[in-house]
């Protein structure tokens, strides 16, 4: 199982957190999703993490991942 942490841009409330959690949770293979509003961090756990699918799900929720050089992708 792998866990990867991303930074989500644009979240301002608990509804944002719920939207991101729901959309990312629907990505095939995702086992768990944890979103922290204060830090903007999104942690995804899955056997194999598809960064593009996670980014697409975040976009579907109405937000964006920070660019990799801008704290967007952080392997953990």
N, C-alpha and C. Protein backbone atom coordinates (compact mmCIF):
# COMPACT_ATOMS: atom_id res chain seq x y z
N UNK A 1 0.85 -1.17 0.00
CA UNK A 1 0.00 0.00 0.00
C UNK A 1 0.90 1.24 0.00
N UNK A 2 0.53 2.21 -0.81
CA UNK A 2 1.30 3.46 -0.89
C UNK A 2 0.42 4.62 -0.43
N UNK A 3 1.07 5.62 0.15
CA UNK A 3 0.37 6.85 0.51
C UNK A 3 1.12 8.01 -0.11
N UNK A 4 0.37 8.91 -0.73
CA UNK A 4 0.98 10.08 -1.33
C UNK A 4 0.22 11.30 -0.82
N UNK A 5 0.96 12.39 -0.58
CA UNK A 5 0.36 13.62 -0.08
C UNK A 5 0.49 14.71 -1.14
N UNK A 6 -0.60 15.42 -1.34
CA UNK A 6 -0.68 16.51 -2.31
C UNK A 6 -1.10 17.79 -1.59
N UNK A 7 -0.91 18.92 -2.24
CA UNK A 7 -1.44 20.18 -1.74
C UNK A 7 -2.54 20.63 -2.69
N UNK A 8 -3.72 20.88 -2.14
CA UNK A 8 -4.87 21.31 -2.93
C UNK A 8 -5.01 22.81 -2.78
N UNK A 9 -5.19 23.49 -3.90
CA UNK A 9 -5.36 24.94 -3.89
C UNK A 9 -6.84 25.30 -3.98
N UNK A 10 -7.24 26.29 -3.20
CA UNK A 10 -8.58 26.84 -3.32
C UNK A 10 -9.60 26.39 -2.31
N UNK A 11 -9.27 25.46 -1.43
CA UNK A 11 -10.24 25.00 -0.44
C UNK A 11 -10.37 26.05 0.67
N UNK A 12 -11.63 26.38 1.03
CA UNK A 12 -11.85 27.40 2.05
C UNK A 12 -12.80 26.98 3.16
N UNK A 13 -13.47 25.82 3.00
CA UNK A 13 -14.47 25.44 4.00
C UNK A 13 -14.61 23.92 4.08
N UNK A 14 -15.43 23.48 5.01
CA UNK A 14 -15.64 22.04 5.20
C UNK A 14 -16.33 21.42 4.00
N UNK A 15 -17.17 22.19 3.31
CA UNK A 15 -17.81 21.67 2.09
C UNK A 15 -16.75 21.35 1.04
N UNK A 16 -15.71 22.18 0.94
CA UNK A 16 -14.60 21.91 0.02
C UNK A 16 -13.96 20.57 0.36
N UNK A 17 -13.72 20.35 1.63
CA UNK A 17 -13.10 19.11 2.10
C UNK A 17 -13.97 17.91 1.71
N UNK A 18 -15.27 18.03 1.93
CA UNK A 18 -16.18 16.92 1.60
C UNK A 18 -16.19 16.66 0.09
N UNK A 19 -16.18 17.70 -0.72
CA UNK A 19 -16.19 17.54 -2.17
C UNK A 19 -14.93 16.83 -2.67
N UNK A 20 -13.78 17.26 -2.17
CA UNK A 20 -12.52 16.64 -2.58
C UNK A 20 -12.47 15.19 -2.10
N UNK A 21 -12.88 14.95 -0.86
CA UNK A 21 -12.88 13.60 -0.30
C UNK A 21 -13.76 12.67 -1.13
N UNK A 22 -14.93 13.13 -1.48
CA UNK A 22 -15.87 12.31 -2.26
C UNK A 22 -15.32 11.99 -3.65
N UNK A 23 -14.84 13.00 -4.36
CA UNK A 23 -14.36 12.79 -5.73
C UNK A 23 -13.11 11.90 -5.76
N UNK A 24 -12.15 12.16 -4.87
CA UNK A 24 -10.92 11.36 -4.86
C UNK A 24 -11.23 9.94 -4.38
N UNK A 25 -12.17 9.80 -3.46
CA UNK A 25 -12.56 8.48 -2.98
C UNK A 25 -13.15 7.59 -4.06
N UNK A 26 -13.63 8.18 -5.15
CA UNK A 26 -14.20 7.41 -6.26
C UNK A 26 -13.16 6.97 -7.28
N UNK A 27 -11.91 7.41 -7.13
CA UNK A 27 -10.85 6.97 -8.04
C UNK A 27 -10.62 5.47 -7.82
N UNK A 28 -10.62 4.68 -8.89
CA UNK A 28 -10.43 3.23 -8.73
C UNK A 28 -9.16 2.88 -7.95
N UNK A 29 -9.32 2.00 -6.97
CA UNK A 29 -8.20 1.53 -6.17
C UNK A 29 -7.91 2.33 -4.91
N UNK A 30 -8.47 3.51 -4.80
CA UNK A 30 -8.19 4.34 -3.61
C UNK A 30 -8.83 3.69 -2.39
N UNK A 31 -8.00 3.47 -1.38
CA UNK A 31 -8.45 2.84 -0.13
C UNK A 31 -8.89 3.87 0.90
N UNK A 32 -8.15 4.99 0.98
CA UNK A 32 -8.52 6.02 1.95
C UNK A 32 -8.08 7.39 1.47
N UNK A 33 -8.83 8.39 1.94
CA UNK A 33 -8.58 9.78 1.58
C UNK A 33 -8.65 10.59 2.87
N UNK A 34 -7.67 11.45 3.09
CA UNK A 34 -7.68 12.33 4.26
C UNK A 34 -7.37 13.74 3.76
N UNK A 35 -8.26 14.69 4.05
CA UNK A 35 -8.08 16.06 3.62
C UNK A 35 -8.01 16.96 4.85
N UNK A 36 -6.98 17.79 4.93
CA UNK A 36 -6.81 18.73 6.03
C UNK A 36 -7.01 20.15 5.49
N UNK A 37 -8.08 20.80 5.90
CA UNK A 37 -8.41 22.13 5.40
C UNK A 37 -7.34 23.16 5.77
N UNK A 38 -6.88 23.13 7.01
CA UNK A 38 -5.93 24.14 7.48
C UNK A 38 -4.64 24.17 6.66
N UNK A 39 -4.13 23.00 6.31
CA UNK A 39 -2.87 22.94 5.56
C UNK A 39 -3.08 22.79 4.05
N UNK A 40 -4.31 22.43 3.66
CA UNK A 40 -4.58 22.18 2.25
C UNK A 40 -4.05 20.84 1.77
N UNK A 41 -3.69 19.98 2.71
CA UNK A 41 -3.09 18.70 2.35
C UNK A 41 -4.14 17.63 2.07
N UNK A 42 -3.85 16.84 1.07
CA UNK A 42 -4.67 15.69 0.68
C UNK A 42 -3.78 14.47 0.70
N UNK A 43 -4.13 13.47 1.51
CA UNK A 43 -3.38 12.22 1.56
C UNK A 43 -4.24 11.12 0.97
N UNK A 44 -3.64 10.37 0.04
CA UNK A 44 -4.35 9.30 -0.65
C UNK A 44 -3.58 8.00 -0.42
N UNK A 45 -4.30 6.95 -0.05
CA UNK A 45 -3.69 5.63 0.14
C UNK A 45 -4.35 4.66 -0.83
N UNK A 46 -3.50 3.93 -1.57
CA UNK A 46 -3.97 2.95 -2.55
C UNK A 46 -2.82 1.99 -2.85
N UNK A 47 -3.14 0.82 -3.41
CA UNK A 47 -2.07 -0.09 -3.80
C UNK A 47 -1.16 0.54 -4.86
N UNK A 48 -1.76 1.26 -5.78
CA UNK A 48 -1.03 1.96 -6.83
C UNK A 48 -1.71 3.30 -7.04
N UNK A 49 -0.99 4.40 -6.88
CA UNK A 49 -1.59 5.73 -6.97
C UNK A 49 -1.35 6.31 -8.35
N UNK A 50 -2.44 6.71 -8.99
CA UNK A 50 -2.40 7.34 -10.31
C UNK A 50 -2.53 8.85 -10.10
N UNK A 51 -1.40 9.57 -10.18
CA UNK A 51 -1.40 11.01 -9.94
C UNK A 51 -2.37 11.75 -10.86
N UNK A 52 -2.43 11.34 -12.12
CA UNK A 52 -3.31 12.00 -13.08
C UNK A 52 -4.78 11.82 -12.69
N UNK A 53 -5.13 10.63 -12.22
CA UNK A 53 -6.51 10.37 -11.81
C UNK A 53 -6.87 11.18 -10.56
N UNK A 54 -5.92 11.31 -9.64
CA UNK A 54 -6.15 12.11 -8.44
C UNK A 54 -6.33 13.58 -8.83
N UNK A 55 -5.47 14.08 -9.71
CA UNK A 55 -5.57 15.47 -10.16
C UNK A 55 -6.90 15.72 -10.86
N UNK A 56 -7.33 14.77 -11.67
CA UNK A 56 -8.61 14.89 -12.37
C UNK A 56 -9.77 14.91 -11.39
N UNK A 57 -9.72 14.07 -10.37
CA UNK A 57 -10.78 14.03 -9.36
C UNK A 57 -10.83 15.34 -8.58
N UNK A 58 -9.68 15.88 -8.23
CA UNK A 58 -9.63 17.16 -7.52
C UNK A 58 -10.22 18.26 -8.41
N UNK A 59 -9.90 18.21 -9.68
CA UNK A 59 -10.45 19.18 -10.64
C UNK A 59 -11.96 19.05 -10.75
N UNK A 60 -12.46 17.81 -10.76
CA UNK A 60 -13.91 17.57 -10.80
C UNK A 60 -14.60 18.20 -9.59
N UNK A 61 -13.91 18.22 -8.46
CA UNK A 61 -14.46 18.81 -7.25
C UNK A 61 -14.41 20.33 -7.29
N UNK A 62 -13.68 20.88 -8.27
CA UNK A 62 -13.61 22.34 -8.42
C UNK A 62 -12.35 22.98 -7.89
N UNK A 63 -11.31 22.17 -7.67
CA UNK A 63 -10.07 22.68 -7.09
C UNK A 63 -8.89 22.22 -7.95
N UNK A 64 -7.69 22.56 -7.55
CA UNK A 64 -6.51 22.18 -8.31
C UNK A 64 -5.40 21.75 -7.37
N UNK A 65 -4.55 20.85 -7.86
CA UNK A 65 -3.35 20.49 -7.10
C UNK A 65 -2.29 21.53 -7.39
N UNK A 66 -1.49 21.83 -6.39
CA UNK A 66 -0.35 22.71 -6.59
C UNK A 66 0.64 22.00 -7.50
N UNK A 67 1.41 22.75 -8.25
CA UNK A 67 2.42 22.16 -9.15
C UNK A 67 3.44 21.39 -8.32
N UNK A 68 4.07 20.33 -8.89
CA UNK A 68 5.02 19.52 -8.13
C UNK A 68 6.10 20.34 -7.44
N UNK A 69 6.62 21.37 -8.08
CA UNK A 69 7.65 22.20 -7.45
C UNK A 69 7.09 23.16 -6.43
N UNK A 70 5.76 23.19 -6.32
CA UNK A 70 5.07 24.11 -5.43
C UNK A 70 4.33 23.34 -4.34
N UNK A 71 4.97 22.28 -3.82
CA UNK A 71 4.41 21.43 -2.77
C UNK A 71 3.22 20.60 -3.24
N UNK A 72 3.05 20.42 -4.54
CA UNK A 72 1.91 19.69 -5.05
C UNK A 72 1.99 18.20 -4.83
N UNK A 73 3.12 17.58 -5.12
CA UNK A 73 3.26 16.13 -4.99
C UNK A 73 4.33 15.82 -3.98
N UNK A 74 3.97 15.06 -2.97
CA UNK A 74 4.93 14.70 -1.93
C UNK A 74 4.81 13.23 -1.60
N UNK A 75 5.75 12.42 -2.07
CA UNK A 75 5.68 11.01 -1.67
C UNK A 75 5.92 10.88 -0.18
N UNK A 76 5.24 9.94 0.45
CA UNK A 76 5.46 9.75 1.88
C UNK A 76 5.63 8.30 2.21
